[in-house]
Amino acid sequence: MRGAHGVVWSRGTNEEEGGSGVVRVMAHSQYQNSKRISIFLSMQDEIETEEIIKDIFQQGKICFIPRYQFQSNHMDMVKLESPEEISLLPKTSWNIHQPGEDDVREEALSTGESFGVRMDVLGCCQL
């Protein structure tokens, strides 16, 4: 099975950096050439991903978003059907929309195809 291929961008420190981050993502050759994109939904103070998600669908690409299991370090990237669907999804304790655990969806790595990954990093370590 082939894994995820991609580029990681960290969050900007102000709105101007965030905007240029979105432009850099959408202009990147790996983003342009990918048919399947996994993207984290942005939190406050991160590069806003809403425009990128809209662009993914406008270009006919397949979009995947994270779903993590409560009290677990396991996360799947699951298929999003439309940008409008995000606001209908339940929220996690971090106030992030994600499909419910009982919501059966295609997982990004289940087909073994490669895809682009784009994510914001706010903090990802456990000591």
N, C-alpha and C. Protein backbone atom coordinates (compact mmCIF):
# COMPACT_ATOMS: atom_id res chain seq x y z
N MET A 1 0.85 -1.18 0.00
CA MET A 1 0.00 0.00 0.00
C MET A 1 0.89 1.23 0.00
N ARG A 2 0.62 2.15 -0.87
CA ARG A 2 1.35 3.40 -0.90
C ARG A 2 0.84 4.32 0.18
N GLY A 3 1.72 5.12 0.76
CA GLY A 3 1.34 6.03 1.83
C GLY A 3 1.02 7.41 1.32
N ALA A 4 0.92 8.31 2.25
CA ALA A 4 0.60 9.69 1.93
C ALA A 4 1.86 10.42 1.48
N HIS A 5 1.72 11.24 0.50
CA HIS A 5 2.81 12.09 0.03
C HIS A 5 2.34 13.52 0.24
N GLY A 6 3.21 14.39 0.72
CA GLY A 6 2.72 15.73 0.90
C GLY A 6 3.73 16.68 1.48
N VAL A 7 3.22 17.84 1.79
CA VAL A 7 4.00 18.94 2.31
C VAL A 7 3.31 19.44 3.56
N VAL A 8 4.08 19.81 4.56
CA VAL A 8 3.51 20.34 5.80
C VAL A 8 3.82 21.82 5.89
N TRP A 9 2.79 22.61 6.13
CA TRP A 9 2.95 24.04 6.37
C TRP A 9 2.57 24.32 7.81
N SER A 10 3.32 25.16 8.49
CA SER A 10 2.94 25.54 9.85
C SER A 10 2.10 26.81 9.79
N ARG A 11 1.44 27.10 10.89
CA ARG A 11 0.54 28.25 10.93
C ARG A 11 1.30 29.56 10.82
N GLY A 12 0.64 30.58 10.28
CA GLY A 12 1.20 31.91 10.24
C GLY A 12 0.98 32.62 11.56
N THR A 13 1.72 33.70 11.78
CA THR A 13 1.57 34.43 13.03
C THR A 13 0.60 35.59 12.91
N ASN A 14 0.17 35.91 11.71
CA ASN A 14 -0.84 36.96 11.55
C ASN A 14 -1.68 36.67 10.32
N GLU A 15 -2.69 37.48 10.13
CA GLU A 15 -3.64 37.24 9.04
C GLU A 15 -2.96 37.28 7.68
N GLU A 16 -2.00 38.20 7.51
CA GLU A 16 -1.32 38.32 6.22
C GLU A 16 -0.55 37.04 5.89
N GLU A 17 0.15 36.49 6.87
CA GLU A 17 0.88 35.25 6.64
C GLU A 17 -0.07 34.11 6.34
N GLY A 18 -1.21 34.09 7.04
CA GLY A 18 -2.21 33.05 6.79
C GLY A 18 -2.70 33.09 5.36
N GLY A 19 -3.00 34.28 4.85
CA GLY A 19 -3.47 34.43 3.48
C GLY A 19 -2.44 33.97 2.47
N SER A 20 -1.18 34.34 2.69
CA SER A 20 -0.14 33.93 1.75
C SER A 20 0.10 32.43 1.84
N GLY A 21 -0.15 31.85 3.03
CA GLY A 21 -0.02 30.40 3.18
C GLY A 21 -1.02 29.66 2.31
N VAL A 22 -2.25 30.17 2.25
CA VAL A 22 -3.29 29.55 1.41
C VAL A 22 -2.87 29.61 -0.05
N VAL A 23 -2.37 30.75 -0.48
CA VAL A 23 -1.93 30.91 -1.87
C VAL A 23 -0.78 29.95 -2.17
N ARG A 24 0.16 29.83 -1.23
CA ARG A 24 1.30 28.92 -1.44
C ARG A 24 0.83 27.47 -1.56
N VAL A 25 -0.13 27.09 -0.74
CA VAL A 25 -0.64 25.71 -0.80
C VAL A 25 -1.25 25.45 -2.17
N MET A 26 -2.16 26.32 -2.60
CA MET A 26 -2.88 26.08 -3.86
C MET A 26 -1.98 26.22 -5.08
N ALA A 27 -0.87 26.92 -4.95
CA ALA A 27 0.05 27.08 -6.07
C ALA A 27 1.09 25.96 -6.12
N HIS A 28 1.22 25.21 -5.06
CA HIS A 28 2.25 24.17 -4.98
C HIS A 28 1.97 23.06 -6.00
N SER A 29 3.01 22.60 -6.68
CA SER A 29 2.83 21.58 -7.73
C SER A 29 2.26 20.28 -7.17
N GLN A 30 2.62 19.93 -5.96
CA GLN A 30 2.11 18.69 -5.39
C GLN A 30 0.60 18.80 -5.15
N TYR A 31 0.14 19.97 -4.71
CA TYR A 31 -1.30 20.20 -4.55
C TYR A 31 -1.99 20.15 -5.91
N GLN A 32 -1.43 20.83 -6.89
CA GLN A 32 -2.01 20.89 -8.22
C GLN A 32 -2.12 19.51 -8.86
N ASN A 33 -1.13 18.66 -8.63
CA ASN A 33 -1.09 17.35 -9.27
C ASN A 33 -1.84 16.26 -8.51
N SER A 34 -2.26 16.53 -7.29
CA SER A 34 -2.95 15.52 -6.48
C SER A 34 -4.42 15.46 -6.82
N LYS A 35 -4.96 14.26 -6.84
CA LYS A 35 -6.39 14.07 -7.06
C LYS A 35 -7.12 13.84 -5.74
N ARG A 36 -6.36 13.43 -4.71
CA ARG A 36 -6.90 13.16 -3.38
C ARG A 36 -6.10 13.98 -2.38
N ILE A 37 -6.79 14.84 -1.64
CA ILE A 37 -6.12 15.74 -0.70
C ILE A 37 -6.65 15.50 0.70
N SER A 38 -5.75 15.31 1.65
CA SER A 38 -6.13 15.25 3.06
C SER A 38 -5.75 16.59 3.69
N ILE A 39 -6.68 17.16 4.43
CA ILE A 39 -6.47 18.49 4.99
C ILE A 39 -7.08 18.58 6.37
N PHE A 40 -6.37 19.19 7.28
CA PHE A 40 -6.89 19.40 8.62
C PHE A 40 -7.78 20.63 8.61
N LEU A 41 -8.85 20.59 9.36
CA LEU A 41 -9.71 21.75 9.51
C LEU A 41 -9.01 22.72 10.46
N SER A 42 -8.97 23.97 10.07
CA SER A 42 -8.20 24.94 10.84
C SER A 42 -8.86 25.30 12.16
N MET A 43 -8.00 25.58 13.13
CA MET A 43 -8.43 26.11 14.42
C MET A 43 -8.07 27.59 14.43
N GLN A 44 -8.52 28.27 15.47
CA GLN A 44 -8.20 29.69 15.62
C GLN A 44 -6.68 29.87 15.61
N ASP A 45 -6.20 30.92 14.98
CA ASP A 45 -4.78 31.26 14.89
C ASP A 45 -3.98 30.35 13.96
N GLU A 46 -4.65 29.56 13.14
CA GLU A 46 -3.96 28.74 12.15
C GLU A 46 -4.30 29.26 10.75
N ILE A 47 -3.53 28.83 9.77
CA ILE A 47 -3.85 29.16 8.40
C ILE A 47 -5.26 28.66 8.11
N GLU A 48 -6.12 29.54 7.63
CA GLU A 48 -7.52 29.20 7.36
C GLU A 48 -7.58 28.23 6.19
N THR A 49 -8.22 27.09 6.38
CA THR A 49 -8.27 26.06 5.34
C THR A 49 -9.57 26.06 4.55
N GLU A 50 -10.53 26.89 4.90
CA GLU A 50 -11.83 26.89 4.23
C GLU A 50 -11.70 27.12 2.72
N GLU A 51 -10.90 28.08 2.32
CA GLU A 51 -10.74 28.37 0.88
C GLU A 51 -10.06 27.22 0.15
N ILE A 52 -9.12 26.57 0.82
CA ILE A 52 -8.45 25.42 0.21
C ILE A 52 -9.45 24.29 0.00
N ILE A 53 -10.28 24.03 1.00
CA ILE A 53 -11.29 22.97 0.89
C ILE A 53 -12.26 23.27 -0.25
N LYS A 54 -12.70 24.51 -0.36
CA LYS A 54 -13.59 24.89 -1.48
C LYS A 54 -12.90 24.64 -2.81
N ASP A 55 -11.61 25.00 -2.89
CA ASP A 55 -10.85 24.83 -4.13
C ASP A 55 -10.70 23.35 -4.48
N ILE A 56 -10.50 22.51 -3.48
CA ILE A 56 -10.38 21.07 -3.72
C ILE A 56 -11.62 20.57 -4.47
N PHE A 57 -12.80 20.97 -3.99
CA PHE A 57 -14.04 20.52 -4.63
C PHE A 57 -14.26 21.20 -5.98
N GLN A 58 -13.90 22.48 -6.11
CA GLN A 58 -14.06 23.17 -7.39
C GLN A 58 -13.21 22.53 -8.47
N GLN A 59 -12.07 21.97 -8.08
CA GLN A 59 -11.19 21.31 -9.05
C GLN A 59 -11.52 19.84 -9.25
N GLY A 60 -12.57 19.36 -8.60
CA GLY A 60 -12.99 17.97 -8.78
C GLY A 60 -12.10 16.96 -8.08
N LYS A 61 -11.35 17.41 -7.09
CA LYS A 61 -10.50 16.51 -6.32
C LYS A 61 -11.32 15.88 -5.19
N ILE A 62 -10.78 14.84 -4.59
CA ILE A 62 -11.43 14.19 -3.45
C ILE A 62 -10.78 14.70 -2.18
N CYS A 63 -11.61 15.07 -1.20
CA CYS A 63 -11.14 15.69 0.03
C CYS A 63 -11.34 14.75 1.23
N PHE A 64 -10.32 14.68 2.07
CA PHE A 64 -10.38 13.90 3.30
C PHE A 64 -10.07 14.81 4.49
N ILE A 65 -10.79 14.61 5.58
CA ILE A 65 -10.57 15.38 6.81
C ILE A 65 -10.34 14.40 7.97
N PRO A 66 -9.74 14.89 9.06
CA PRO A 66 -9.44 13.98 10.17
C PRO A 66 -10.66 13.58 10.99
N ARG A 67 -10.57 12.38 11.51
CA ARG A 67 -11.51 11.91 12.53
C ARG A 67 -10.66 11.14 13.54
N TYR A 68 -10.64 11.66 14.76
CA TYR A 68 -9.88 10.96 15.79
C TYR A 68 -10.84 10.34 16.79
N GLN A 69 -10.37 9.30 17.43
CA GLN A 69 -11.17 8.61 18.43
C GLN A 69 -10.90 9.21 19.80
N PHE A 70 -11.95 9.49 20.53
CA PHE A 70 -11.86 10.07 21.86
C PHE A 70 -10.97 9.20 22.75
N GLN A 71 -10.08 9.83 23.50
CA GLN A 71 -9.15 9.17 24.41
C GLN A 71 -8.29 8.13 23.70
N SER A 72 -7.85 8.47 22.51
CA SER A 72 -7.00 7.59 21.72
C SER A 72 -6.04 8.45 20.90
N ASN A 73 -4.94 7.87 20.48
CA ASN A 73 -4.03 8.60 19.59
C ASN A 73 -4.25 8.20 18.14
N HIS A 74 -5.32 7.47 17.86
CA HIS A 74 -5.62 7.01 16.51
C HIS A 74 -6.43 8.06 15.74
N MET A 75 -6.01 8.32 14.52
CA MET A 75 -6.73 9.26 13.66
C MET A 75 -6.82 8.68 12.26
N ASP A 76 -7.98 8.81 11.65
CA ASP A 76 -8.18 8.44 10.26
C ASP A 76 -8.49 9.70 9.48
N MET A 77 -8.11 9.70 8.21
CA MET A 77 -8.52 10.76 7.31
C MET A 77 -9.68 10.19 6.51
N VAL A 78 -10.87 10.79 6.67
CA VAL A 78 -12.08 10.25 6.06
C VAL A 78 -12.65 11.22 5.03
N LYS A 79 -13.37 10.67 4.08
CA LYS A 79 -13.87 11.45 2.94
C LYS A 79 -14.92 12.47 3.37
N LEU A 80 -14.77 13.67 2.84
CA LEU A 80 -15.74 14.74 3.00
C LEU A 80 -16.50 14.85 1.69
N GLU A 81 -17.82 14.92 1.76
CA GLU A 81 -18.64 14.94 0.54
C GLU A 81 -18.77 16.33 -0.08
N SER A 82 -18.70 17.39 0.74
CA SER A 82 -18.82 18.76 0.22
C SER A 82 -18.32 19.72 1.28
N PRO A 83 -17.92 20.93 0.89
CA PRO A 83 -17.50 21.92 1.89
C PRO A 83 -18.64 22.29 2.84
N GLU A 84 -19.86 22.28 2.33
CA GLU A 84 -21.02 22.66 3.13
C GLU A 84 -21.30 21.64 4.24
N GLU A 85 -20.87 20.42 4.04
CA GLU A 85 -21.11 19.36 5.02
C GLU A 85 -20.40 19.63 6.35
N ILE A 86 -19.30 20.36 6.33
CA ILE A 86 -18.51 20.57 7.54
C ILE A 86 -19.35 21.12 8.68
N SER A 87 -20.14 22.14 8.42
CA SER A 87 -20.92 22.77 9.49
C SER A 87 -21.99 21.85 10.07
N LEU A 88 -22.33 20.78 9.37
CA LEU A 88 -23.34 19.83 9.84
C LEU A 88 -22.75 18.72 10.70
N LEU A 89 -21.43 18.59 10.72
CA LEU A 89 -20.78 17.53 11.47
C LEU A 89 -20.71 17.86 12.95
N PRO A 90 -20.75 16.84 13.82
CA PRO A 90 -20.62 17.09 15.26
C PRO A 90 -19.25 17.68 15.58
N LYS A 91 -19.15 18.36 16.73
CA LYS A 91 -17.89 18.97 17.15
C LYS A 91 -17.23 18.12 18.24
N THR A 92 -15.90 18.16 18.21
CA THR A 92 -15.11 17.47 19.23
C THR A 92 -14.96 18.37 20.45
N SER A 93 -14.29 17.86 21.47
CA SER A 93 -14.03 18.66 22.67
C SER A 93 -13.12 19.85 22.36
N TRP A 94 -12.42 19.81 21.24
CA TRP A 94 -11.58 20.92 20.80
C TRP A 94 -12.37 21.89 19.93
N ASN A 95 -13.66 21.65 19.80
CA ASN A 95 -14.55 22.50 19.01
C ASN A 95 -14.24 22.42 17.51
N ILE A 96 -13.83 21.25 17.07
CA ILE A 96 -13.52 21.01 15.66
C ILE A 96 -14.57 20.05 15.11
N HIS A 97 -15.11 20.37 13.95
CA HIS A 97 -16.08 19.49 13.31
C HIS A 97 -15.38 18.23 12.80
N GLN A 98 -16.02 17.09 13.00
CA GLN A 98 -15.54 15.83 12.41
C GLN A 98 -16.70 14.85 12.34
N PRO A 99 -16.64 13.91 11.40
CA PRO A 99 -17.69 12.89 11.33
C PRO A 99 -17.72 12.07 12.62
N GLY A 100 -18.90 11.65 13.02
CA GLY A 100 -19.05 10.82 14.20
C GLY A 100 -18.39 9.47 14.01
N GLU A 101 -18.07 8.80 15.11
CA GLU A 101 -17.39 7.51 15.04
C GLU A 101 -18.23 6.45 14.35
N ASP A 102 -19.55 6.59 14.40
CA ASP A 102 -20.44 5.60 13.77
C ASP A 102 -20.78 5.97 12.32
N ASP A 103 -20.23 7.07 11.83
CA ASP A 103 -20.46 7.54 10.46
C ASP A 103 -19.46 6.82 9.54
N VAL A 104 -19.93 5.84 8.79
CA VAL A 104 -19.05 5.03 7.93
C VAL A 104 -18.67 5.84 6.70
N ARG A 105 -17.37 6.00 6.50
CA ARG A 105 -16.84 6.78 5.37
C ARG A 105 -15.60 6.12 4.81
N GLU A 106 -15.31 6.45 3.56
CA GLU A 106 -14.06 5.99 2.95
C GLU A 106 -12.89 6.60 3.70
N GLU A 107 -11.88 5.77 3.97
CA GLU A 107 -10.66 6.25 4.61
C GLU A 107 -9.61 6.48 3.53
N ALA A 108 -8.84 7.54 3.69
CA ALA A 108 -7.89 7.96 2.66
C ALA A 108 -6.89 6.87 2.29
N LEU A 109 -6.40 6.12 3.24
CA LEU A 109 -5.38 5.11 2.94
C LEU A 109 -5.96 3.75 2.59
N SER A 110 -7.28 3.61 2.65
CA SER A 110 -7.88 2.29 2.43
C SER A 110 -7.73 1.77 1.01
N THR A 111 -7.60 2.66 0.04
CA THR A 111 -7.48 2.23 -1.35
C THR A 111 -6.04 2.08 -1.79
N GLY A 112 -5.10 2.55 -0.98
CA GLY A 112 -3.69 2.42 -1.31
C GLY A 112 -3.19 3.43 -2.31
N GLU A 113 -4.00 4.40 -2.69
CA GLU A 113 -3.56 5.42 -3.64
C GLU A 113 -2.82 6.52 -2.89
N SER A 114 -1.90 7.17 -3.59
CA SER A 114 -1.19 8.28 -2.98
C SER A 114 -2.03 9.54 -3.09
N PHE A 115 -1.78 10.48 -2.21
CA PHE A 115 -2.54 11.71 -2.20
C PHE A 115 -1.73 12.79 -1.51
N GLY A 116 -2.10 14.03 -1.72
CA GLY A 116 -1.42 15.15 -1.09
C GLY A 116 -1.90 15.35 0.33
N VAL A 117 -1.02 15.80 1.19
CA VAL A 117 -1.39 16.10 2.57
C VAL A 117 -1.01 17.54 2.86
N ARG A 118 -1.92 18.25 3.47
CA ARG A 118 -1.68 19.63 3.85
C ARG A 118 -2.18 19.78 5.28
N MET A 119 -1.34 20.27 6.18
CA MET A 119 -1.82 20.43 7.55
C MET A 119 -1.20 21.62 8.23
N ASP A 120 -1.93 22.17 9.18
CA ASP A 120 -1.44 23.23 10.04
C ASP A 120 -0.97 22.59 11.33
N VAL A 121 0.07 23.14 11.90
CA VAL A 121 0.57 22.60 13.14
C VAL A 121 0.41 23.65 14.23
N LEU A 122 -0.41 23.36 15.21
CA LEU A 122 -0.55 24.22 16.37
C LEU A 122 0.27 23.64 17.50
N GLY A 123 0.19 22.37 17.71
CA GLY A 123 0.98 21.68 18.71
C GLY A 123 0.70 20.20 18.60
N CYS A 124 1.72 19.40 18.46
CA CYS A 124 1.51 17.98 18.22
C CYS A 124 2.49 17.13 19.01
N CYS A 125 2.67 17.42 20.25
CA CYS A 125 3.60 16.57 21.00
C CYS A 125 2.98 16.17 22.33
N GLN A 126 3.41 15.02 22.81
CA GLN A 126 2.95 14.52 24.10
C GLN A 126 4.19 14.12 24.87
N LEU A 127 4.35 14.66 26.06
CA LEU A 127 5.54 14.34 26.87
C LEU A 127 5.21 13.32 27.91
